[in-house]
PDB file of N, CA and C in Angstrom:
ATOM      1  N   MET A   1    -152.492  98.037  93.595  1.00  0.00           N
ATOM      2  CA  MET A   1    -151.405  98.735  92.980  1.00  0.00           C
ATOM      3  C   MET A   1    -150.125  98.451  93.728  1.00  0.00           C
ATOM      4  N   LYS A   2    -149.073  98.298  92.955  1.00  0.00           N
ATOM      5  CA  LYS A   2    -147.767  97.974  93.591  1.00  0.00           C
ATOM      6  C   LYS A   2    -146.949  99.220  93.586  1.00  0.00           C
ATOM      7  N   ILE A   3    -146.160  99.339  94.692  1.00  0.00           N
ATOM      8  CA  ILE A   3    -145.165 100.443  94.791  1.00  0.00           C
ATOM      9  C   ILE A   3    -143.849  99.766  95.140  1.00  0.00           C
ATOM     10  N   CYS A   4    -142.778 100.518  94.903  1.00  0.00           N
ATOM     11  CA  CYS A   4    -141.397 100.011  95.280  1.00  0.00           C
ATOM     12  C   CYS A   4    -140.873 100.853  96.437  1.00  0.00           C
ATOM     13  N   LEU A   5    -140.490 100.161  97.538  1.00  0.00           N
ATOM     14  CA  LEU A   5    -139.947 100.885  98.717  1.00  0.00           C
ATOM     15  C   LEU A   5    -138.497 100.450  98.960  1.00  0.00           C
ATOM     16  N   SER A   6    -137.606 101.316  99.370  1.00  0.00           N
ATOM     17  CA  SER A   6    -136.375 100.926  99.866  1.00  0.00           C
ATOM     18  C   SER A   6    -136.479 100.829 101.402  1.00  0.00           C
ATOM     19  N   LEU A   7    -136.257  99.528 101.906  1.00  0.00           N
ATOM     20  CA  LEU A   7    -136.363  99.257 103.291  1.00  0.00           C
ATOM     21  C   LEU A   7    -135.080  98.890 103.833  1.00  0.00           C
ATOM     22  N   PRO A   8    -134.864  99.191 105.134  1.00  0.00           N
ATOM     23  CA  PRO A   8    -133.735  98.648 105.863  1.00  0.00           C
ATOM     24  C   PRO A   8    -133.982  97.113 105.959  1.00  0.00           C
ATOM     25  N   LEU A   9    -132.940  96.382 105.946  1.00  0.00           N
ATOM     26  CA  LEU A   9    -133.129  94.859 105.986  1.00  0.00           C
ATOM     27  C   LEU A   9    -133.823  94.366 107.237  1.00  0.00           C
ATOM     28  N   ALA A  10    -133.649  95.193 108.406  1.00  0.00           N
ATOM     29  CA  ALA A  10    -134.347  94.815 109.605  1.00  0.00           C
ATOM     30  C   ALA A  10    -135.822  94.825 109.496  1.00  0.00           C
ATOM     31  N   GLU A  11    -136.367  95.678 108.545  1.00  0.00           N
ATOM     32  CA  GLU A  11    -137.868  95.819 108.356  1.00  0.00           C
ATOM     33  C   GLU A  11    -138.388  94.888 107.295  1.00  0.00           C
ATOM     34  N   VAL A  12    -137.545  94.175 106.529  1.00  0.00           N
ATOM     35  CA  VAL A  12    -137.975  93.282 105.429  1.00  0.00           C
ATOM     36  C   VAL A  12    -138.328  92.014 106.104  1.00  0.00           C
ATOM     37  N   THR A  13    -139.415  91.377 105.618  1.00  0.00           N
ATOM     38  CA  THR A  13    -139.952  90.020 106.179  1.00  0.00           C
ATOM     39  C   THR A  13    -140.025  89.065 105.076  1.00  0.00           C
ATOM     40  N   ALA A  14    -139.985  87.757 105.472  1.00  0.00           N
ATOM     41  CA  ALA A  14    -140.124  86.692 104.475  1.00  0.00           C
ATOM     42  C   ALA A  14    -141.478  86.839 103.703  1.00  0.00           C
ATOM     43  N   GLY A  15    -141.484  86.588 102.421  1.00  0.00           N
ATOM     44  CA  GLY A  15    -142.643  86.758 101.669  1.00  0.00           C
ATOM     45  C   GLY A  15    -142.745  87.993 100.794  1.00  0.00           C
ATOM     46  N   MET A  16    -141.932  88.976 101.218  1.00  0.00           N
ATOM     47  CA  MET A  16    -141.794  90.125 100.402  1.00  0.00           C
ATOM     48  C   MET A  16    -141.120  89.836  99.048  1.00  0.00           C
ATOM     49  N   ARG A  17    -141.403  90.675  98.058  1.00  0.00           N
ATOM     50  CA  ARG A  17    -140.874  90.405  96.685  1.00  0.00           C
ATOM     51  C   ARG A  17    -139.819  91.498  96.387  1.00  0.00           C
ATOM     52  N   VAL A  18    -138.724  91.076  95.956  1.00  0.00           N
ATOM     53  CA  VAL A  18    -137.619  92.017  95.605  1.00  0.00           C
ATOM     54  C   VAL A  18    -137.916  92.808  94.388  1.00  0.00           C
ATOM     55  N   ALA A  19    -137.775  94.079  94.389  1.00  0.00           N
ATOM     56  CA  ALA A  19    -138.128  94.912  93.210  1.00  0.00           C
ATOM     57  C   ALA A  19    -136.943  95.119  92.309  1.00  0.00           C
ATOM     58  N   ALA A  20    -135.666  95.063  92.874  1.00  0.00           N
ATOM     59  CA  ALA A  20    -134.434  95.220  92.049  1.00  0.00           C
ATOM     60  C   ALA A  20    -133.476  94.206  92.662  1.00  0.00           C
ATOM     61  N   ALA A  21    -132.623  93.673  91.819  1.00  0.00           N
ATOM     62  CA  ALA A  21    -131.643  92.699  92.234  1.00  0.00           C
ATOM     63  C   ALA A  21    -130.831  93.205  93.356  1.00  0.00           C
ATOM     64  N   VAL A  22    -130.605  92.301  94.364  1.00  0.00           N
ATOM     65  CA  VAL A  22    -129.694  92.673  95.478  1.00  0.00           C
ATOM     66  C   VAL A  22    -128.278  92.157  95.082  1.00  0.00           C
ATOM     67  N   VAL A  23    -127.286  93.032  95.156  1.00  0.00           N
ATOM     68  CA  VAL A  23    -125.918  92.679  94.668  1.00  0.00           C
ATOM     69  C   VAL A  23    -124.962  92.999  95.841  1.00  0.00           C
ATOM     70  N   ASP A  24    -123.890  92.255  95.837  1.00  0.00           N
ATOM     71  CA  ASP A  24    -122.909  92.529  96.832  1.00  0.00           C
ATOM     72  C   ASP A  24    -121.902  93.619  96.392  1.00  0.00           C
ATOM     73  N   ALA A  25    -120.943  93.933  97.166  1.00  0.00           N
ATOM     74  CA  ALA A  25    -119.940  94.998  96.794  1.00  0.00           C
ATOM     75  C   ALA A  25    -119.295  94.705  95.482  1.00  0.00           C
ATOM     76  N   GLY A  26    -119.055  93.422  95.117  1.00  0.00           N
ATOM     77  CA  GLY A  26    -118.328  93.068  93.953  1.00  0.00           C
ATOM     78  C   GLY A  26    -119.314  92.982  92.727  1.00  0.00           C
ATOM     79  N   GLY A  27    -120.554  93.257  92.935  1.00  0.00           N
ATOM     80  CA  GLY A  27    -121.570  93.226  91.779  1.00  0.00           C
ATOM     81  C   GLY A  27    -122.184  91.886  91.586  1.00  0.00           C
ATOM     82  N   GLN A  28    -121.927  90.887  92.322  1.00  0.00           N
ATOM     83  CA  GLN A  28    -122.500  89.608  92.221  1.00  0.00           C
ATOM     84  C   GLN A  28    -123.883  89.630  92.736  1.00  0.00           C
ATOM     85  N   VAL A  29    -124.798  89.001  91.974  1.00  0.00           N
ATOM     86  CA  VAL A  29    -126.250  89.057  92.328  1.00  0.00           C
ATOM     87  C   VAL A  29    -126.484  88.116  93.397  1.00  0.00           C
ATOM     88  N   LEU A  30    -126.972  88.568  94.526  1.00  0.00           N
ATOM     89  CA  LEU A  30    -127.309  87.758  95.739  1.00  0.00           C
ATOM     90  C   LEU A  30    -128.795  87.165  95.632  1.00  0.00           C
ATOM     91  N   VAL A  31    -129.723  88.129  95.191  1.00  0.00           N
ATOM     92  CA  VAL A  31    -131.112  87.754  95.021  1.00  0.00           C
ATOM     93  C   VAL A  31    -131.595  88.494  93.780  1.00  0.00           C
ATOM     94  N   PRO A  32    -132.093  87.771  92.846  1.00  0.00           N
ATOM     95  CA  PRO A  32    -132.595  88.427  91.545  1.00  0.00           C
ATOM     96  C   PRO A  32    -133.823  89.235  91.739  1.00  0.00           C
ATOM     97  N   ALA A  33    -134.093  90.203  90.896  1.00  0.00           N
ATOM     98  CA  ALA A  33    -135.242  90.970  90.974  1.00  0.00           C
ATOM     99  C   ALA A  33    -136.426  90.029  90.771  1.00  0.00           C
ATOM    100  N   GLY A  34    -137.539  90.301  91.544  1.00  0.00           N
ATOM    101  CA  GLY A  34    -138.785  89.493  91.331  1.00  0.00           C
ATOM    102  C   GLY A  34    -138.806  88.241  92.300  1.00  0.00           C
ATOM    103  N   ALA A  35    -137.707  87.924  92.943  1.00  0.00           N
ATOM    104  CA  ALA A  35    -137.691  86.798  93.807  1.00  0.00           C
ATOM    105  C   ALA A  35    -138.483  87.128  95.122  1.00  0.00           C
ATOM    106  N   GLU A  36    -139.184  86.084  95.639  1.00  0.00           N
ATOM    107  CA  GLU A  36    -139.910  86.228  96.869  1.00  0.00           C
ATOM    108  C   GLU A  36    -138.898  85.862  97.964  1.00  0.00           C
ATOM    109  N   LEU A  37    -138.637  86.691  98.890  1.00  0.00           N
ATOM    110  CA  LEU A  37    -137.703  86.413 100.041  1.00  0.00           C
ATOM    111  C   LEU A  37    -138.185  85.343 100.980  1.00  0.00           C
ATOM    112  N   SER A  38    -137.252  84.458 101.368  1.00  0.00           N
ATOM    113  CA  SER A  38    -137.480  83.524 102.348  1.00  0.00           C
ATOM    114  C   SER A  38    -136.700  83.849 103.600  1.00  0.00           C
ATOM    115  N   ALA A  39    -137.020  83.201 104.645  1.00  0.00           N
ATOM    116  CA  ALA A  39    -136.226  83.422 105.902  1.00  0.00           C
ATOM    117  C   ALA A  39    -134.703  83.097 105.681  1.00  0.00           C
ATOM    118  N   GLY A  40    -134.473  82.148 105.011  1.00  0.00           N
ATOM    119  CA  GLY A  40    -133.073  81.677 104.750  1.00  0.00           C
ATOM    120  C   GLY A  40    -132.314  82.860 103.934  1.00  0.00           C
ATOM    121  N   MET A  41    -133.107  83.371 102.922  1.00  0.00           N
ATOM    122  CA  MET A  41    -132.516  84.360 102.130  1.00  0.00           C
ATOM    123  C   MET A  41    -132.147  85.614 103.013  1.00  0.00           C
ATOM    124  N   LEU A  42    -133.054  85.997 103.836  1.00  0.00           N
ATOM    125  CA  LEU A  42    -132.877  87.156 104.749  1.00  0.00           C
ATOM    126  C   LEU A  42    -131.675  86.880 105.628  1.00  0.00           C
ATOM    127  N   HIS A  43    -131.565  85.726 106.162  1.00  0.00           N
ATOM    128  CA  HIS A  43    -130.385  85.362 107.018  1.00  0.00           C
ATOM    129  C   HIS A  43    -129.092  85.547 106.242  1.00  0.00           C
ATOM    130  N   GLY A  44    -129.102  84.995 104.963  1.00  0.00           N
ATOM    131  CA  GLY A  44    -127.864  85.131 104.140  1.00  0.00           C
ATOM    132  C   GLY A  44    -127.514  86.630 103.813  1.00  0.00           C
ATOM    133  N   LEU A  45    -128.558  87.455 103.579  1.00  0.00           N
ATOM    134  CA  LEU A  45    -128.255  88.874 103.355  1.00  0.00           C
ATOM    135  C   LEU A  45    -127.707  89.506 104.600  1.00  0.00           C
ATOM    136  N   ARG A  46    -128.243  89.162 105.768  1.00  0.00           N
ATOM    137  CA  ARG A  46    -127.735  89.748 107.023  1.00  0.00           C
ATOM    138  C   ARG A  46    -126.217  89.279 107.177  1.00  0.00           C
ATOM    139  N   ARG A  47    -125.877  88.035 106.907  1.00  0.00           N
ATOM    140  CA  ARG A  47    -124.549  87.586 107.007  1.00  0.00           C
ATOM    141  C   ARG A  47    -123.574  88.363 106.162  1.00  0.00           C
ATOM    142  N   ARG A  48    -124.120  88.734 104.897  1.00  0.00           N
ATOM    143  CA  ARG A  48    -123.354  89.580 103.946  1.00  0.00           C
ATOM    144  C   ARG A  48    -123.388  91.041 104.191  1.00  0.00           C
ATOM    145  N   GLU A  49    -124.011  91.417 105.347  1.00  0.00           N
ATOM    146  CA  GLU A  49    -124.068  92.802 105.724  1.00  0.00           C
ATOM    147  C   GLU A  49    -124.828  93.709 104.852  1.00  0.00           C
ATOM    148  N   VAL A  50    -125.868  93.138 104.131  1.00  0.00           N
ATOM    149  CA  VAL A  50    -126.665  94.087 103.308  1.00  0.00           C
ATOM    150  C   VAL A  50    -127.520  94.770 104.270  1.00  0.00           C
ATOM    151  N   VAL A  51    -127.544  96.209 103.935  1.00  0.00           N
ATOM    152  CA  VAL A  51    -128.192  97.092 104.881  1.00  0.00           C
ATOM    153  C   VAL A  51    -129.693  97.401 104.415  1.00  0.00           C
ATOM    154  N   GLU A  52    -129.882  97.567 103.127  1.00  0.00           N
ATOM    155  CA  GLU A  52    -131.117  97.981 102.604  1.00  0.00           C
ATOM    156  C   GLU A  52    -131.420  97.417 101.245  1.00  0.00           C
ATOM    157  N   ILE A  53    -132.676  97.102 101.045  1.00  0.00           N
ATOM    158  CA  ILE A  53    -133.077  96.495  99.673  1.00  0.00           C
ATOM    159  C   ILE A  53    -134.377  97.148  99.180  1.00  0.00           C
ATOM    160  N   LEU A  54    -134.620  97.060  97.874  1.00  0.00           N
ATOM    161  CA  LEU A  54    -135.843  97.608  97.282  1.00  0.00           C
ATOM    162  C   LEU A  54    -136.844  96.506  97.151  1.00  0.00           C
ATOM    163  N   VAL A  55    -138.008  96.645  97.812  1.00  0.00           N
ATOM    164  CA  VAL A  55    -139.059  95.561  97.681  1.00  0.00           C
ATOM    165  C   VAL A  55    -140.328  96.195  97.102  1.00  0.00           C
ATOM    166  N   GLU A  56    -141.152  95.342  96.577  1.00  0.00           N
ATOM    167  CA  GLU A  56    -142.503  95.677  96.069  1.00  0.00           C
ATOM    168  C   GLU A  56    -143.539  95.522  97.238  1.00  0.00           C
ATOM    169  N   ARG A  57    -144.394  96.405  97.211  1.00  0.00           N
ATOM    170  CA  ARG A  57    -145.569  96.361  98.200  1.00  0.00           C
ATOM    171  C   ARG A  57    -146.829  96.615  97.522  1.00  0.00           C
ATOM    172  N   ASP A  58    -147.858  95.874  97.800  1.00  0.00           N
ATOM    173  CA  ASP A  58    -149.195  96.049  97.346  1.00  0.00           C
ATOM    174  C   ASP A  58    -149.875  97.039  98.240  1.00  0.00           C
ATOM    175  N   ILE A  59    -150.529  98.043  97.655  1.00  0.00           N
ATOM    176  CA  ILE A  59    -151.298  98.972  98.541  1.00  0.00           C
ATOM    177  C   ILE A  59    -152.795  99.099  97.882  1.00  0.00           C
ATOM    178  N   GLU A  60    -153.572  99.248  98.857  1.00  0.00           N
ATOM    179  CA  GLU A  60    -154.990  99.409  98.541  1.00  0.00           C
ATOM    180  C   GLU A  60    -155.269 100.864  97.977  1.00  0.00           C
ATOM    181  N   GLU A  61    -155.678 100.970  96.756  1.00  0.00           N
ATOM    182  CA  GLU A  61    -155.926 102.241  96.183  1.00  0.00           C
ATOM    183  C   GLU A  61    -157.407 102.622  96.469  1.00  0.00           C
ATOM    184  N   ASP A  62    -157.625 103.823  96.807  1.00  0.00           N
ATOM    185  CA  ASP A  62    -159.002 104.309  97.010  1.00  0.00           C
ATOM    186  C   ASP A  62    -159.842 104.163  95.664  1.00  0.00           C
ATOM    187  N   PRO A  63    -161.016 103.598  95.638  1.00  0.00           N
ATOM    188  CA  PRO A  63    -161.743 103.378  94.359  1.00  0.00           C
ATOM    189  C   PRO A  63    -161.970 104.641  93.604  1.00  0.00           C
ATOM    190  N   ALA A  64    -162.201 105.681  94.336  1.00  0.00           N
ATOM    191  CA  ALA A  64    -162.380 107.058  93.640  1.00  0.00           C
ATOM    192  C   ALA A  64    -161.078 107.492  92.995  1.00  0.00           C
ATOM    193  N   VAL A  65    -159.964 107.341  93.610  1.00  0.00           N
ATOM    194  CA  VAL A  65    -158.669 107.761  92.985  1.00  0.00           C
ATOM    195  C   VAL A  65    -158.358 106.815  91.795  1.00  0.00           C
ATOM    196  N   ARG A  66    -158.669 105.504  91.882  1.00  0.00           N
ATOM    197  CA  ARG A  66    -158.405 104.571  90.869  1.00  0.00           C
ATOM    198  C   ARG A  66    -159.251 104.950  89.696  1.00  0.00           C
ATOM    199  N   GLU A  67    -160.533 105.351  89.951  1.00  0.00           N
ATOM    200  CA  GLU A  67    -161.528 105.667  88.837  1.00  0.00           C
ATOM    201  C   GLU A  67    -160.999 106.925  88.119  1.00  0.00           C
ATOM    202  N   GLU A  68    -160.564 107.895  88.878  1.00  0.00           N
ATOM    203  CA  GLU A  68    -160.030 109.202  88.292  1.00  0.00           C
ATOM    204  C   GLU A  68    -158.725 108.910  87.475  1.00  0.00           C
ATOM    205  N   ARG A  69    -157.920 107.997  87.947  1.00  0.00           N
ATOM    206  CA  ARG A  69    -156.701 107.772  87.216  1.00  0.00           C
ATOM    207  C   ARG A  69    -157.005 107.020  85.877  1.00  0.00           C
ATOM    208  N   SER A  70    -157.985 106.082  85.983  1.00  0.00           N
ATOM    209  CA  SER A  70    -158.454 105.357  84.774  1.00  0.00           C
ATOM    210  C   SER A  70    -159.071 106.394  83.708  1.00  0.00           C
ATOM    211  N   ARG A  71    -159.840 107.303  84.269  1.00  0.00           N
ATOM    212  CA  ARG A  71    -160.509 108.290  83.346  1.00  0.00           C
ATOM    213  C   ARG A  71    -159.424 109.194  82.722  1.00  0.00           C
ATOM    214  N   ARG A  72    -158.374 109.614  83.498  1.00  0.00           N
ATOM    215  CA  ARG A  72    -157.333 110.480  82.967  1.00  0.00           C
ATOM    216  C   ARG A  72    -156.469 109.777  81.954  1.00  0.00           C
ATOM    217  N   THR A  73    -156.195 108.500  82.274  1.00  0.00           N
ATOM    218  CA  THR A  73    -155.399 107.719  81.372  1.00  0.00           C
ATOM    219  C   THR A  73    -156.130 107.444  80.071  1.00  0.00           C
ATOM    220  N   THR A  74    -157.397 107.169  80.152  1.00  0.00           N
ATOM    221  CA  THR A  74    -158.146 106.931  78.933  1.00  0.00           C
ATOM    222  C   THR A  74    -158.170 108.183  78.132  1.00  0.00           C
ATOM    223  N   ALA A  75    -158.421 109.321  78.700  1.00  0.00           N
ATOM    224  CA  ALA A  75    -158.395 110.560  77.978  1.00  0.00           C
ATOM    225  C   ALA A  75    -157.164 110.949  77.279  1.00  0.00           C
ATOM    226  N   GLN A  76    -156.070 110.548  77.901  1.00  0.00           N
ATOM    227  CA  GLN A  76    -154.670 110.724  77.254  1.00  0.00           C
ATOM    228  C   GLN A  76    -154.518 109.845  76.088  1.00  0.00           C
ATOM    229  N   LEU A  77    -154.974 108.583  76.224  1.00  0.00           N
ATOM    230  CA  LEU A  77    -154.853 107.648  75.098  1.00  0.00           C
ATOM    231  C   LEU A  77    -155.804 107.981  73.970  1.00  0.00           C
ATOM    232  N   ASP A  78    -157.055 108.478  74.250  1.00  0.00           N
ATOM    233  CA  ASP A  78    -157.918 108.878  73.308  1.00  0.00           C
ATOM    234  C   ASP A  78    -157.230 109.981  72.427  1.00  0.00           C
ATOM    235  N   LEU A  79    -156.634 110.901  73.056  1.00  0.00           N
ATOM    236  CA  LEU A  79    -155.940 112.022  72.414  1.00  0.00           C
ATOM    237  C   LEU A  79    -154.729 111.478  71.528  1.00  0.00           C
ATOM    238  N   ALA A  80    -154.025 110.573  72.098  1.00  0.00           N
ATOM    239  CA  ALA A  80    -152.815 110.029  71.351  1.00  0.00           C
ATOM    240  C   ALA A  80    -153.305 109.189  70.117  1.00  0.00           C
ATOM    241  N   PHE A  81    -154.458 108.455  70.273  1.00  0.00           N
ATOM    242  CA  PHE A  81    -154.880 107.610  69.154  1.00  0.00           C
ATOM    243  C   PHE A  81    -155.992 108.192  68.270  1.00  0.00           C
ATOM    244  N   ARG A  82    -156.246 109.567  68.437  1.00  0.00           N
ATOM    245  CA  ARG A  82    -157.318 110.172  67.694  1.00  0.00           C
ATOM    246  C   ARG A  82    -157.266 110.070  66.172  1.00  0.00           C
ATOM    247  N   LYS A  83    -156.072 109.857  65.624  1.00  0.00           N
ATOM    248  CA  LYS A  83    -155.934 109.757  64.188  1.00  0.00           C
ATOM    249  C   LYS A  83    -155.549 108.416  63.679  1.00  0.00           C
ATOM    250  N   ALA A  84    -155.608 107.459  64.665  1.00  0.00           N
ATOM    251  CA  ALA A  84    -155.032 106.123  64.330  1.00  0.00           C
ATOM    252  C   ALA A  84    -155.978 105.268  63.582  1.00  0.00           C
ATOM    253  N   GLY A  85    -157.278 105.675  63.452  1.00  0.00           N
ATOM    254  CA  GLY A  85    -158.175 104.798  62.831  1.00  0.00           C
ATOM    255  C   GLY A  85    -158.889 103.902  63.804  1.00  0.00           C
ATOM    256  N   ASN A  86    -159.747 102.987  63.331  1.00  0.00           N
ATOM    257  CA  ASN A  86    -160.574 102.197  64.168  1.00  0.00           C
ATOM    258  C   ASN A  86    -160.385 100.732  63.810  1.00  0.00           C
ATOM    259  N   GLY A  87    -159.301 100.315  63.299  1.00  0.00           N
ATOM    260  CA  GLY A  87    -159.095  98.982  62.868  1.00  0.00           C
ATOM    261  C   GLY A  87    -158.809  98.030  64.007  1.00  0.00           C
ATOM    262  N   ALA A  88    -158.941  96.755  63.729  1.00  0.00           N
ATOM    263  CA  ALA A  88    -158.811  95.729  64.851  1.00  0.00           C
ATOM    264  C   ALA A  88    -157.440  95.864  65.511  1.00  0.00           C
ATOM    265  N   GLU A  89    -156.391  96.035  64.757  1.00  0.00           N
ATOM    266  CA  GLU A  89    -155.080  96.214  65.275  1.00  0.00           C
ATOM    267  C   GLU A  89    -154.859  97.394  66.183  1.00  0.00           C
ATOM    268  N   THR A  90    -155.481  98.552  65.728  1.00  0.00           N
ATOM    269  CA  THR A  90    -155.446  99.733  66.522  1.00  0.00           C
ATOM    270  C   THR A  90    -156.190  99.623  67.786  1.00  0.00           C
ATOM    271  N   ARG A  91    -157.306  98.964  67.803  1.00  0.00           N
ATOM    272  CA  ARG A  91    -158.093  98.732  68.987  1.00  0.00           C
ATOM    273  C   ARG A  91    -157.281  97.788  69.984  1.00  0.00           C
ATOM    274  N   GLN A  92    -156.671  96.785  69.421  1.00  0.00           N
ATOM    275  CA  GLN A  92    -155.941  95.890  70.243  1.00  0.00           C
ATOM    276  C   GLN A  92    -154.713  96.586  70.810  1.00  0.00           C
ATOM    277  N   LEU A  93    -154.054  97.434  70.044  1.00  0.00           N
ATOM    278  CA  LEU A  93    -152.890  98.151  70.594  1.00  0.00           C
ATOM    279  C   LEU A  93    -153.325  99.124  71.765  1.00  0.00           C
ATOM    280  N   TYR A  94    -154.458  99.860  71.418  1.00  0.00           N
ATOM    281  CA  TYR A  94    -155.047 100.771  72.421  1.00  0.00           C
ATOM    282  C   TYR A  94    -155.286  99.999  73.754  1.00  0.00           C
ATOM    283  N   GLN A  95    -155.960  98.871  73.705  1.00  0.00           N
ATOM    284  CA  GLN A  95    -156.233  98.127  74.905  1.00  0.00           C
ATOM    285  C   GLN A  95    -155.024  97.656  75.656  1.00  0.00           C
ATOM    286  N   ALA A  96    -154.020  97.285  74.854  1.00  0.00           N
ATOM    287  CA  ALA A  96    -152.771  96.797  75.512  1.00  0.00           C
ATOM    288  C   ALA A  96    -152.105  98.027  76.208  1.00  0.00           C
ATOM    289  N   VAL A  97    -152.003  99.129  75.554  1.00  0.00           N
ATOM    290  CA  VAL A  97    -151.430 100.309  76.109  1.00  0.00           C
ATOM    291  C   VAL A  97    -152.165 100.741  77.363  1.00  0.00           C
ATOM    292  N   LEU A  98    -153.500 100.776  77.352  1.00  0.00           N
ATOM    293  CA  LEU A  98    -154.235 101.173  78.372  1.00  0.00           C
ATOM    294  C   LEU A  98    -154.073 100.203  79.533  1.00  0.00           C
ATOM    295  N   ALA A  99    -154.003  98.886  79.402  1.00  0.00           N
ATOM    296  CA  ALA A  99    -153.865  98.024  80.446  1.00  0.00           C
ATOM    297  C   ALA A  99    -152.469  98.146  81.088  1.00  0.00           C
ATOM    298  N   TYR A 100    -151.535  98.345  80.185  1.00  0.00           N
ATOM    299  CA  TYR A 100    -150.054  98.546  80.736  1.00  0.00           C
ATOM    300  C   TYR A 100    -150.087  99.822  81.665  1.00  0.00           C
ATOM    301  N   ARG A 101    -150.608 100.923  81.183  1.00  0.00           N
ATOM    302  CA  ARG A 101    -150.508 102.195  81.877  1.00  0.00           C
ATOM    303  C   ARG A 101    -151.238 102.085  83.162  1.00  0.00           C
ATOM    304  N   LEU A 102    -152.456 101.390  83.128  1.00  0.00           N
ATOM    305  CA  LEU A 102    -153.155 101.320  84.366  1.00  0.00           C
ATOM    306  C   LEU A 102    -152.443 100.418  85.365  1.00  0.00           C
ATOM    307  N   ALA A 103    -151.812  99.384  84.864  1.00  0.00           N
ATOM    308  CA  ALA A 103    -151.114  98.493  85.767  1.00  0.00           C
ATOM    309  C   ALA A 103    -149.880  99.139  86.384  1.00  0.00           C
ATOM    310  N   ALA A 104    -149.220 100.079  85.573  1.00  0.00           N
ATOM    311  CA  ALA A 104    -148.060 100.730  85.977  1.00  0.00           C
ATOM    312  C   ALA A 104    -148.350 102.048  86.808  1.00  0.00           C
ATOM    313  N   GLY A 105    -149.646 102.197  87.036  1.00  0.00           N
ATOM    314  CA  GLY A 105    -149.872 103.427  87.871  1.00  0.00           C
ATOM    315  C   GLY A 105    -150.229 104.641  87.146  1.00  0.00           C
ATOM    316  N   GLY A 106    -150.488 104.599  85.875  1.00  0.00           N
ATOM    317  CA  GLY A 106    -150.831 105.736  85.134  1.00  0.00           C
ATOM    318  C   GLY A 106    -149.812 106.184  84.169  1.00  0.00           C
TER     319      GLY A 106
END
């Protein structure tokens, strides 16, 4: 599971992924969202006196917590789709929404 953390630049390391675009005081994008940070990028951000950035972090989720979240999400979708019928398109939409919600953390 991925989470977003706002970290001081001093704690950010090469290889981390930017969760939101890093912009300077004038609004110019220095690093786009989703970019993987390199040592050179970090050096450039320090030179521009960027203090803090939002990064993505992978965390290991307890299997029991993941299973409970999956069960709860499935129950919510079952309720939302209860009158939608059982056609192929409905099943496909259900699976897409379920996958999205589980990937997004519920």
